[in-house]
Amino acid sequence: MMSIIIFRNVFRRITLSANVASSISSNDVLVDKVQQLINNHKVIIFSKTFCPYCIKAKEILEKIIDAKTVPRIFIDGKCIGGCDDTLILHRNGDLEKILKQINTI
């Protein structure tokens, strides 16, 4: 059974902090991890919090999905919304149906 990180193949923002990087003993391990992240996600953003170019790229993606809040949950390439939307789908049984349709549960 797959955990509810279904959207991982569509969009995920991952920040590698200095603490994470320093805890990895080898540059090769870090390179492998970054390559694995790139290979496992259709869209991934590596960014700095206050970089104007990073902010602009994220703003463009926000316009595409018409949302400024997180989490933004994607299932099978479609944005289902945020937390409230996911809770509604779960409560009325539609979330499980959607996940079964794409063979994740």
PDB file of N, CA and C in Angstrom:
ATOM      1  N   MET A   1       0.846  -1.183   0.000  1.00  0.00           N
ATOM      2  CA  MET A   1       0.000   0.000   0.000  1.00  0.00           C
ATOM      3  C   MET A   1       0.888   1.242   0.000  1.00  0.00           C
ATOM      4  N   MET A   2       0.526   2.207  -0.794  1.00  0.00           N
ATOM      5  CA  MET A   2       1.290   3.443  -0.920  1.00  0.00           C
ATOM      6  C   MET A   2       0.757   4.476   0.056  1.00  0.00           C
ATOM      7  N   SER A   3       1.640   5.207   0.684  1.00  0.00           N
ATOM      8  CA  SER A   3       1.198   6.268   1.584  1.00  0.00           C
ATOM      9  C   SER A   3       0.673   7.443   0.773  1.00  0.00           C
ATOM     10  N   ILE A   4       0.038   8.361   1.446  1.00  0.00           N
ATOM     11  CA  ILE A   4      -0.559   9.495   0.747  1.00  0.00           C
ATOM     12  C   ILE A   4       0.509  10.538   0.440  1.00  0.00           C
ATOM     13  N   ILE A   5       1.426  10.128  -0.375  1.00  0.00           N
ATOM     14  CA  ILE A   5       2.362  11.038  -1.020  1.00  0.00           C
ATOM     15  C   ILE A   5       2.214  10.745  -2.507  1.00  0.00           C
ATOM     16  N   ILE A   6       0.985  10.553  -2.904  1.00  0.00           N
ATOM     17  CA  ILE A   6       0.641  10.211  -4.271  1.00  0.00           C
ATOM     18  C   ILE A   6       1.118  11.295  -5.232  1.00  0.00           C
ATOM     19  N   PHE A   7       1.003  12.535  -4.813  1.00  0.00           N
ATOM     20  CA  PHE A   7       1.350  13.664  -5.666  1.00  0.00           C
ATOM     21  C   PHE A   7       2.838  13.765  -5.918  1.00  0.00           C
ATOM     22  N   ARG A   8       3.629  12.892  -5.310  1.00  0.00           N
ATOM     23  CA  ARG A   8       5.068  13.005  -5.441  1.00  0.00           C
ATOM     24  C   ARG A   8       5.544  12.894  -6.876  1.00  0.00           C
ATOM     25  N   ASN A   9       4.819  12.227  -7.735  1.00  0.00           N
ATOM     26  CA  ASN A   9       5.229  12.102  -9.121  1.00  0.00           C
ATOM     27  C   ASN A   9       4.801  13.288  -9.974  1.00  0.00           C
ATOM     28  N   VAL A  10       4.110  14.223  -9.375  1.00  0.00           N
ATOM     29  CA  VAL A  10       3.613  15.353 -10.142  1.00  0.00           C
ATOM     30  C   VAL A  10       4.282  16.650  -9.730  1.00  0.00           C
ATOM     31  N   PHE A  11       4.210  16.965  -8.467  1.00  0.00           N
ATOM     32  CA  PHE A  11       4.784  18.222  -8.004  1.00  0.00           C
ATOM     33  C   PHE A  11       5.203  18.073  -6.561  1.00  0.00           C
ATOM     34  N   ARG A  12       6.393  18.454  -6.281  1.00  0.00           N
ATOM     35  CA  ARG A  12       6.841  18.446  -4.904  1.00  0.00           C
ATOM     36  C   ARG A  12       7.969  19.450  -4.765  1.00  0.00           C
ATOM     37  N   ARG A  13       7.884  20.254  -3.765  1.00  0.00           N
ATOM     38  CA  ARG A  13       8.950  21.206  -3.475  1.00  0.00           C
ATOM     39  C   ARG A  13       9.784  20.595  -2.381  1.00  0.00           C
ATOM     40  N   ILE A  14      11.046  20.469  -2.632  1.00  0.00           N
ATOM     41  CA  ILE A  14      11.950  19.887  -1.656  1.00  0.00           C
ATOM     42  C   ILE A  14      13.073  20.875  -1.419  1.00  0.00           C
ATOM     43  N   THR A  15      13.325  21.179  -0.188  1.00  0.00           N
ATOM     44  CA  THR A  15      14.405  22.078   0.171  1.00  0.00           C
ATOM     45  C   THR A  15      15.491  21.274   0.852  1.00  0.00           C
ATOM     46  N   LEU A  16      16.681  21.307   0.293  1.00  0.00           N
ATOM     47  CA  LEU A  16      17.817  20.660   0.932  1.00  0.00           C
ATOM     48  C   LEU A  16      18.524  21.707   1.775  1.00  0.00           C
ATOM     49  N   SER A  17      18.431  21.586   3.057  1.00  0.00           N
ATOM     50  CA  SER A  17      19.047  22.569   3.942  1.00  0.00           C
ATOM     51  C   SER A  17      20.514  22.233   4.157  1.00  0.00           C
ATOM     52  N   ALA A  18      21.238  23.181   4.688  1.00  0.00           N
ATOM     53  CA  ALA A  18      22.647  22.947   4.999  1.00  0.00           C
ATOM     54  C   ALA A  18      22.790  21.806   5.993  1.00  0.00           C
ATOM     55  N   ASN A  19      21.855  21.685   6.930  1.00  0.00           N
ATOM     56  CA  ASN A  19      21.921  20.600   7.908  1.00  0.00           C
ATOM     57  C   ASN A  19      21.816  19.240   7.245  1.00  0.00           C
ATOM     58  N   VAL A  20      20.916  19.107   6.278  1.00  0.00           N
ATOM     59  CA  VAL A  20      20.776  17.837   5.574  1.00  0.00           C
ATOM     60  C   VAL A  20      22.043  17.544   4.797  1.00  0.00           C
ATOM     61  N   ALA A  21      22.538  18.554   4.081  1.00  0.00           N
ATOM     62  CA  ALA A  21      23.736  18.349   3.278  1.00  0.00           C
ATOM     63  C   ALA A  21      24.929  17.985   4.141  1.00  0.00           C
ATOM     64  N   SER A  22      25.065  18.612   5.308  1.00  0.00           N
ATOM     65  CA  SER A  22      26.220  18.328   6.150  1.00  0.00           C
ATOM     66  C   SER A  22      26.115  16.970   6.824  1.00  0.00           C
ATOM     67  N   SER A  23      24.890  16.430   6.926  1.00  0.00           N
ATOM     68  CA  SER A  23      24.747  15.122   7.552  1.00  0.00           C
ATOM     69  C   SER A  23      25.080  13.992   6.590  1.00  0.00           C
ATOM     70  N   ILE A  24      25.230  14.302   5.322  1.00  0.00           N
ATOM     71  CA  ILE A  24      25.590  13.287   4.337  1.00  0.00           C
ATOM     72  C   ILE A  24      27.100  13.290   4.202  1.00  0.00           C
ATOM     73  N   SER A  25      27.693  12.126   4.394  1.00  0.00           N
ATOM     74  CA  SER A  25      29.149  12.049   4.501  1.00  0.00           C
ATOM     75  C   SER A  25      29.867  12.185   3.172  1.00  0.00           C
ATOM     76  N   SER A  26      29.231  11.898   2.082  1.00  0.00           N
ATOM     77  CA  SER A  26      29.927  11.883   0.807  1.00  0.00           C
ATOM     78  C   SER A  26      29.182  12.720  -0.221  1.00  0.00           C
ATOM     79  N   ASN A  27      29.956  13.465  -1.028  1.00  0.00           N
ATOM     80  CA  ASN A  27      29.341  14.223  -2.114  1.00  0.00           C
ATOM     81  C   ASN A  27      28.644  13.300  -3.100  1.00  0.00           C
ATOM     82  N   ASP A  28      29.217  12.108  -3.308  1.00  0.00           N
ATOM     83  CA  ASP A  28      28.603  11.147  -4.222  1.00  0.00           C
ATOM     84  C   ASP A  28      27.217  10.740  -3.744  1.00  0.00           C
ATOM     85  N   VAL A  29      27.066  10.575  -2.437  1.00  0.00           N
ATOM     86  CA  VAL A  29      25.765  10.216  -1.876  1.00  0.00           C
ATOM     87  C   VAL A  29      24.774  11.351  -2.119  1.00  0.00           C
ATOM     88  N   LEU A  30      25.218  12.581  -1.933  1.00  0.00           N
ATOM     89  CA  LEU A  30      24.353  13.737  -2.156  1.00  0.00           C
ATOM     90  C   LEU A  30      23.960  13.842  -3.629  1.00  0.00           C
ATOM     91  N   VAL A  31      24.922  13.667  -4.510  1.00  0.00           N
ATOM     92  CA  VAL A  31      24.634  13.710  -5.946  1.00  0.00           C
ATOM     93  C   VAL A  31      23.628  12.623  -6.311  1.00  0.00           C
ATOM     94  N   ASP A  32      23.827  11.425  -5.780  1.00  0.00           N
ATOM     95  CA  ASP A  32      22.897  10.322  -6.046  1.00  0.00           C
ATOM     96  C   ASP A  32      21.498  10.645  -5.536  1.00  0.00           C
ATOM     97  N   LYS A  33      21.409  11.233  -4.348  1.00  0.00           N
ATOM     98  CA  LYS A  33      20.115  11.582  -3.764  1.00  0.00           C
ATOM     99  C   LYS A  33      19.402  12.634  -4.613  1.00  0.00           C
ATOM    100  N   VAL A  34      20.121  13.653  -5.032  1.00  0.00           N
ATOM    101  CA  VAL A  34      19.525  14.698  -5.867  1.00  0.00           C
ATOM    102  C   VAL A  34      19.063  14.103  -7.195  1.00  0.00           C
ATOM    103  N   GLN A  35      19.880  13.255  -7.802  1.00  0.00           N
ATOM    104  CA  GLN A  35      19.498  12.629  -9.068  1.00  0.00           C
ATOM    105  C   GLN A  35      18.265  11.752  -8.893  1.00  0.00           C
ATOM    106  N   GLN A  36      18.194  11.048  -7.777  1.00  0.00           N
ATOM    107  CA  GLN A  36      17.028  10.213  -7.475  1.00  0.00           C
ATOM    108  C   GLN A  36      15.766  11.075  -7.341  1.00  0.00           C
ATOM    109  N   LEU A  37      15.885  12.199  -6.658  1.00  0.00           N
ATOM    110  CA  LEU A  37      14.749  13.110  -6.513  1.00  0.00           C
ATOM    111  C   LEU A  37      14.284  13.625  -7.874  1.00  0.00           C
ATOM    112  N   ILE A  38      15.226  13.995  -8.717  1.00  0.00           N
ATOM    113  CA  ILE A  38      14.895  14.497 -10.051  1.00  0.00           C
ATOM    114  C   ILE A  38      14.200  13.414 -10.869  1.00  0.00           C
ATOM    115  N   ASN A  39      14.725  12.192 -10.795  1.00  0.00           N
ATOM    116  CA  ASN A  39      14.153  11.085 -11.564  1.00  0.00           C
ATOM    117  C   ASN A  39      12.765  10.685 -11.086  1.00  0.00           C
ATOM    118  N   ASN A  40      12.488  10.866  -9.797  1.00  0.00           N
ATOM    119  CA  ASN A  40      11.236  10.387  -9.210  1.00  0.00           C
ATOM    120  C   ASN A  40      10.103  11.407  -9.215  1.00  0.00           C
ATOM    121  N   HIS A  41      10.342  12.622  -9.694  1.00  0.00           N
ATOM    122  CA  HIS A  41       9.318  13.664  -9.667  1.00  0.00           C
ATOM    123  C   HIS A  41       9.215  14.324 -11.030  1.00  0.00           C
ATOM    124  N   LYS A  42       8.006  14.459 -11.522  1.00  0.00           N
ATOM    125  CA  LYS A  42       7.826  15.110 -12.821  1.00  0.00           C
ATOM    126  C   LYS A  42       8.155  16.591 -12.760  1.00  0.00           C
ATOM    127  N   VAL A  43       7.885  17.217 -11.630  1.00  0.00           N
ATOM    128  CA  VAL A  43       8.251  18.619 -11.417  1.00  0.00           C
ATOM    129  C   VAL A  43       8.850  18.722 -10.033  1.00  0.00           C
ATOM    130  N   ILE A  44      10.010  19.313  -9.938  1.00  0.00           N
ATOM    131  CA  ILE A  44      10.650  19.492  -8.636  1.00  0.00           C
ATOM    132  C   ILE A  44      11.370  20.830  -8.647  1.00  0.00           C
ATOM    133  N   ILE A  45      11.330  21.527  -7.538  1.00  0.00           N
ATOM    134  CA  ILE A  45      11.992  22.825  -7.425  1.00  0.00           C
ATOM    135  C   ILE A  45      13.001  22.755  -6.291  1.00  0.00           C
ATOM    136  N   PHE A  46      14.236  23.036  -6.596  1.00  0.00           N
ATOM    137  CA  PHE A  46      15.258  23.218  -5.571  1.00  0.00           C
ATOM    138  C   PHE A  46      15.417  24.726  -5.441  1.00  0.00           C
ATOM    139  N   SER A  47      15.208  25.248  -4.247  1.00  0.00           N
ATOM    140  CA  SER A  47      15.203  26.703  -4.144  1.00  0.00           C
ATOM    141  C   SER A  47      15.755  27.194  -2.824  1.00  0.00           C
ATOM    142  N   LYS A  48      16.045  28.484  -2.829  1.00  0.00           N
ATOM    143  CA  LYS A  48      16.381  29.203  -1.608  1.00  0.00           C
ATOM    144  C   LYS A  48      15.153  30.019  -1.225  1.00  0.00           C
ATOM    145  N   THR A  49      15.001  30.261   0.043  1.00  0.00           N
ATOM    146  CA  THR A  49      13.820  30.969   0.519  1.00  0.00           C
ATOM    147  C   THR A  49      13.728  32.389  -0.033  1.00  0.00           C
ATOM    148  N   PHE A  50      14.833  33.107  -0.085  1.00  0.00           N
ATOM    149  CA  PHE A  50      14.789  34.522  -0.442  1.00  0.00           C
ATOM    150  C   PHE A  50      15.442  34.836  -1.784  1.00  0.00           C
ATOM    151  N   CYS A  51      15.600  33.859  -2.640  1.00  0.00           N
ATOM    152  CA  CYS A  51      16.176  34.076  -3.968  1.00  0.00           C
ATOM    153  C   CYS A  51      15.096  34.632  -4.900  1.00  0.00           C
ATOM    154  N   PRO A  52      15.313  35.826  -5.496  1.00  0.00           N
ATOM    155  CA  PRO A  52      14.271  36.409  -6.344  1.00  0.00           C
ATOM    156  C   PRO A  52      13.930  35.543  -7.559  1.00  0.00           C
ATOM    157  N   TYR A  53      14.893  34.833  -8.105  1.00  0.00           N
ATOM    158  CA  TYR A  53      14.625  33.963  -9.249  1.00  0.00           C
ATOM    159  C   TYR A  53      13.783  32.758  -8.830  1.00  0.00           C
ATOM    160  N   CYS A  54      14.084  32.215  -7.655  1.00  0.00           N
ATOM    161  CA  CYS A  54      13.303  31.088  -7.117  1.00  0.00           C
ATOM    162  C   CYS A  54      11.875  31.525  -6.833  1.00  0.00           C
ATOM    163  N   ILE A  55      11.733  32.693  -6.241  1.00  0.00           N
ATOM    164  CA  ILE A  55      10.401  33.220  -5.925  1.00  0.00           C
ATOM    165  C   ILE A  55       9.594  33.392  -7.208  1.00  0.00           C
ATOM    166  N   LYS A  56      10.219  33.931  -8.250  1.00  0.00           N
ATOM    167  CA  LYS A  56       9.522  34.145  -9.524  1.00  0.00           C
ATOM    168  C   LYS A  56       9.081  32.815 -10.133  1.00  0.00           C
ATOM    169  N   ALA A  57       9.940  31.816 -10.115  1.00  0.00           N
ATOM    170  CA  ALA A  57       9.589  30.501 -10.669  1.00  0.00           C
ATOM    171  C   ALA A  57       8.402  29.899  -9.923  1.00  0.00           C
ATOM    172  N   LYS A  58       8.408  30.013  -8.590  1.00  0.00           N
ATOM    173  CA  LYS A  58       7.296  29.484  -7.792  1.00  0.00           C
ATOM    174  C   LYS A  58       6.007  30.268  -8.059  1.00  0.00           C
ATOM    175  N   GLU A  59       6.128  31.585  -8.271  1.00  0.00           N
ATOM    176  CA  GLU A  59       4.949  32.398  -8.586  1.00  0.00           C
ATOM    177  C   GLU A  59       4.315  31.953  -9.899  1.00  0.00           C
ATOM    178  N   ILE A  60       5.155  31.629 -10.880  1.00  0.00           N
ATOM    179  CA  ILE A  60       4.646  31.164 -12.174  1.00  0.00           C
ATOM    180  C   ILE A  60       3.869  29.864 -11.993  1.00  0.00           C
ATOM    181  N   LEU A  61       4.422  28.934 -11.226  1.00  0.00           N
ATOM    182  CA  LEU A  61       3.722  27.672 -10.976  1.00  0.00           C
ATOM    183  C   LEU A  61       2.432  27.899 -10.199  1.00  0.00           C
ATOM    184  N   GLU A  62       2.450  28.840  -9.253  1.00  0.00           N
ATOM    185  CA  GLU A  62       1.234  29.152  -8.497  1.00  0.00           C
ATOM    186  C   GLU A  62       0.135  29.671  -9.420  1.00  0.00           C
ATOM    187  N   LYS A  63       0.509  30.474 -10.421  1.00  0.00           N
ATOM    188  CA  LYS A  63      -0.483  30.979 -11.370  1.00  0.00           C
ATOM    189  C   LYS A  63      -1.088  29.843 -12.184  1.00  0.00           C
ATOM    190  N   ILE A  64      -0.262  28.889 -12.550  1.00  0.00           N
ATOM    191  CA  ILE A  64      -0.743  27.764 -13.349  1.00  0.00           C
ATOM    192  C   ILE A  64      -1.783  26.962 -12.578  1.00  0.00           C
ATOM    193  N   ILE A  65      -1.531  26.730 -11.277  1.00  0.00           N
ATOM    194  CA  ILE A  65      -2.484  25.932 -10.496  1.00  0.00           C
ATOM    195  C   ILE A  65      -3.480  26.809  -9.757  1.00  0.00           C
ATOM    196  N   ASP A  66      -3.362  28.132  -9.908  1.00  0.00           N
ATOM    197  CA  ASP A  66      -4.295  29.094  -9.313  1.00  0.00           C
ATOM    198  C   ASP A  66      -4.446  28.906  -7.806  1.00  0.00           C
ATOM    199  N   ALA A  67      -3.324  28.790  -7.129  1.00  0.00           N
ATOM    200  CA  ALA A  67      -3.373  28.629  -5.675  1.00  0.00           C
ATOM    201  C   ALA A  67      -2.133  29.238  -5.057  1.00  0.00           C
ATOM    202  N   LYS A  68      -2.312  29.823  -3.888  1.00  0.00           N
ATOM    203  CA  LYS A  68      -1.182  30.433  -3.194  1.00  0.00           C
ATOM    204  C   LYS A  68      -0.917  29.768  -1.850  1.00  0.00           C
ATOM    205  N   THR A  69      -1.699  28.774  -1.511  1.00  0.00           N
ATOM    206  CA  THR A  69      -1.546  28.129  -0.210  1.00  0.00           C
ATOM    207  C   THR A  69      -1.003  26.715  -0.368  1.00  0.00           C
ATOM    208  N   VAL A  70      -0.496  26.193   0.706  1.00  0.00           N
ATOM    209  CA  VAL A  70      -0.043  24.806   0.751  1.00  0.00           C
ATOM    210  C   VAL A  70      -0.793  24.098   1.863  1.00  0.00           C
ATOM    211  N   PRO A  71      -0.947  22.814   1.812  1.00  0.00           N
ATOM    212  CA  PRO A  71      -0.428  21.955   0.744  1.00  0.00           C
ATOM    213  C   PRO A  71      -1.275  22.072  -0.517  1.00  0.00           C
ATOM    214  N   ARG A  72      -0.694  21.762  -1.624  1.00  0.00           N
ATOM    215  CA  ARG A  72      -1.362  21.654  -2.912  1.00  0.00           C
ATOM    216  C   ARG A  72      -1.185  20.197  -3.311  1.00  0.00           C
ATOM    217  N   ILE A  73      -2.260  19.456  -3.379  1.00  0.00           N
ATOM    218  CA  ILE A  73      -2.181  18.010  -3.560  1.00  0.00           C
ATOM    219  C   ILE A  73      -2.593  17.646  -4.980  1.00  0.00           C
ATOM    220  N   PHE A  74      -1.731  16.887  -5.628  1.00  0.00           N
ATOM    221  CA  PHE A  74      -1.967  16.425  -6.986  1.00  0.00           C
ATOM    222  C   PHE A  74      -2.092  14.912  -6.973  1.00  0.00           C
ATOM    223  N   ILE A  75      -3.073  14.413  -7.672  1.00  0.00           N
ATOM    224  CA  ILE A  75      -3.224  12.971  -7.838  1.00  0.00           C
ATOM    225  C   ILE A  75      -3.361  12.709  -9.330  1.00  0.00           C
ATOM    226  N   ASP A  76      -2.477  11.883  -9.835  1.00  0.00           N
ATOM    227  CA  ASP A  76      -2.485  11.499 -11.250  1.00  0.00           C
ATOM    228  C   ASP A  76      -2.488  12.717 -12.171  1.00  0.00           C
ATOM    229  N   GLY A  77      -1.689  13.700 -11.820  1.00  0.00           N
ATOM    230  CA  GLY A  77      -1.521  14.871 -12.666  1.00  0.00           C
ATOM    231  C   GLY A  77      -2.562  15.956 -12.503  1.00  0.00           C
ATOM    232  N   LYS A  78      -3.523  15.767 -11.606  1.00  0.00           N
ATOM    233  CA  LYS A  78      -4.582  16.758 -11.418  1.00  0.00           C
ATOM    234  C   LYS A  78      -4.540  17.299 -10.000  1.00  0.00           C
ATOM    235  N   CYS A  79      -4.649  18.611  -9.889  1.00  0.00           N
ATOM    236  CA  CYS A  79      -4.685  19.232  -8.573  1.00  0.00           C
ATOM    237  C   CYS A  79      -6.061  18.997  -7.973  1.00  0.00           C
ATOM    238  N   ILE A  80      -6.091  18.329  -6.810  1.00  0.00           N
ATOM    239  CA  ILE A  80      -7.375  18.111  -6.140  1.00  0.00           C
ATOM    240  C   ILE A  80      -7.640  19.197  -5.114  1.00  0.00           C
ATOM    241  N   GLY A  81      -6.667  20.063  -4.886  1.00  0.00           N
ATOM    242  CA  GLY A  81      -6.839  21.168  -3.960  1.00  0.00           C
ATOM    243  C   GLY A  81      -5.890  21.089  -2.791  1.00  0.00           C
ATOM    244  N   GLY A  82      -6.342  21.654  -1.684  1.00  0.00           N
ATOM    245  CA  GLY A  82      -5.527  21.684  -0.478  1.00  0.00           C
ATOM    246  C   GLY A  82      -6.075  20.753   0.581  1.00  0.00           C
ATOM    247  N   CYS A  83      -5.778  21.065   1.816  1.00  0.00           N
ATOM    248  CA  CYS A  83      -6.173  20.222   2.941  1.00  0.00           C
ATOM    249  C   CYS A  83      -7.690  20.108   3.050  1.00  0.00           C
ATOM    250  N   ASP A  84      -8.385  21.238   3.016  1.00  0.00           N
ATOM    251  CA  ASP A  84      -9.846  21.203   3.157  1.00  0.00           C
ATOM    252  C   ASP A  84     -10.496  20.378   2.051  1.00  0.00           C
ATOM    253  N   ASP A  85     -10.011  20.558   0.821  1.00  0.00           N
ATOM    254  CA  ASP A  85     -10.557  19.804  -0.307  1.00  0.00           C
ATOM    255  C   ASP A  85     -10.311  18.309  -0.140  1.00  0.00           C
ATOM    256  N   THR A  86      -9.120  17.966   0.339  1.00  0.00           N
ATOM    257  CA  THR A  86      -8.776  16.564   0.557  1.00  0.00           C
ATOM    258  C   THR A  86      -9.641  15.963   1.662  1.00  0.00           C
ATOM    259  N   LEU A  87      -9.864  16.727   2.724  1.00  0.00           N
ATOM    260  CA  LEU A  87     -10.729  16.244   3.808  1.00  0.00           C
ATOM    261  C   LEU A  87     -12.153  15.996   3.317  1.00  0.00           C
ATOM    262  N   ILE A  88     -12.668  16.880   2.490  1.00  0.00           N
ATOM    263  CA  ILE A  88     -14.019  16.697   1.943  1.00  0.00           C
ATOM    264  C   ILE A  88     -14.079  15.425   1.103  1.00  0.00           C
ATOM    265  N   LEU A  89     -13.083  15.246   0.225  1.00  0.00           N
ATOM    266  CA  LEU A  89     -13.037  14.033  -0.594  1.00  0.00           C
ATOM    267  C   LEU A  89     -12.969  12.780   0.274  1.00  0.00           C
ATOM    268  N   HIS A  90     -12.186  12.855   1.340  1.00  0.00           N
ATOM    269  CA  HIS A  90     -12.050  11.709   2.249  1.00  0.00           C
ATOM    270  C   HIS A  90     -13.371  11.419   2.962  1.00  0.00           C
ATOM    271  N   ARG A  91     -13.993  12.448   3.485  1.00  0.00           N
ATOM    272  CA  ARG A  91     -15.231  12.266   4.260  1.00  0.00           C
ATOM    273  C   ARG A  91     -16.379  11.709   3.421  1.00  0.00           C
ATOM    274  N   ASN A  92     -16.438  12.098   2.147  1.00  0.00           N
ATOM    275  CA  ASN A  92     -17.541  11.593   1.328  1.00  0.00           C
ATOM    276  C   ASN A  92     -17.175  10.327   0.549  1.00  0.00           C
ATOM    277  N   GLY A  93     -15.969   9.797   0.796  1.00  0.00           N
ATOM    278  CA  GLY A  93     -15.562   8.531   0.188  1.00  0.00           C
ATOM    279  C   GLY A  93     -14.944   8.647  -1.191  1.00  0.00           C
ATOM    280  N   ASP A  94     -14.884   9.863  -1.733  1.00  0.00           N
ATOM    281  CA  ASP A  94     -14.347  10.028  -3.081  1.00  0.00           C
ATOM    282  C   ASP A  94     -12.832   9.878  -3.154  1.00  0.00           C
ATOM    283  N   LEU A  95     -12.120  10.236  -2.095  1.00  0.00           N
ATOM    284  CA  LEU A  95     -10.660  10.129  -2.120  1.00  0.00           C
ATOM    285  C   LEU A  95     -10.239   8.680  -2.321  1.00  0.00           C
ATOM    286  N   GLU A  96     -10.842   7.780  -1.585  1.00  0.00           N
ATOM    287  CA  GLU A  96     -10.503   6.361  -1.723  1.00  0.00           C
ATOM    288  C   GLU A  96     -10.828   5.864  -3.135  1.00  0.00           C
ATOM    289  N   LYS A  97     -11.961   6.304  -3.691  1.00  0.00           N
ATOM    290  CA  LYS A  97     -12.330   5.910  -5.056  1.00  0.00           C
ATOM    291  C   LYS A  97     -11.282   6.384  -6.063  1.00  0.00           C
ATOM    292  N   ILE A  98     -10.864   7.638  -5.915  1.00  0.00           N
ATOM    293  CA  ILE A  98      -9.856   8.203  -6.819  1.00  0.00           C
ATOM    294  C   ILE A  98      -8.559   7.411  -6.724  1.00  0.00           C
ATOM    295  N   LEU A  99      -8.121   7.116  -5.504  1.00  0.00           N
ATOM    296  CA  LEU A  99      -6.868   6.388  -5.307  1.00  0.00           C
ATOM    297  C   LEU A  99      -6.960   4.965  -5.851  1.00  0.00           C
ATOM    298  N   LYS A 100      -8.120   4.342  -5.723  1.00  0.00           N
ATOM    299  CA  LYS A 100      -8.310   2.995  -6.277  1.00  0.00           C
ATOM    300  C   LYS A 100      -8.299   3.031  -7.802  1.00  0.00           C
ATOM    301  N   GLN A 101      -8.885   4.072  -8.389  1.00  0.00           N
ATOM    302  CA  GLN A 101      -8.926   4.193  -9.847  1.00  0.00           C
ATOM    303  C   GLN A 101      -7.534   4.253 -10.458  1.00  0.00           C
ATOM    304  N   ILE A 102      -6.588   4.818  -9.725  1.00  0.00           N
ATOM    305  CA  ILE A 102      -5.228   4.919 -10.265  1.00  0.00           C
ATOM    306  C   ILE A 102      -4.305   3.872  -9.656  1.00  0.00           C
ATOM    307  N   ASN A 103      -4.920   2.856  -9.045  1.00  0.00           N
ATOM    308  CA  ASN A 103      -4.191   1.689  -8.520  1.00  0.00           C
ATOM    309  C   ASN A 103      -3.122   2.030  -7.498  1.00  0.00           C
ATOM    310  N   THR A 104      -3.427   2.960  -6.599  1.00  0.00           N
ATOM    311  CA  THR A 104      -2.466   3.275  -5.541  1.00  0.00           C
ATOM    312  C   THR A 104      -2.839   2.627  -4.222  1.00  0.00           C
ATOM    313  N   ILE A 105      -4.081   2.197  -4.098  1.00  0.00           N
ATOM    314  CA  ILE A 105      -4.490   1.419  -2.916  1.00  0.00           C
ATOM    315  C   ILE A 105      -5.317   0.236  -3.376  1.00  0.00           C
TER     316      ILE A 105
END
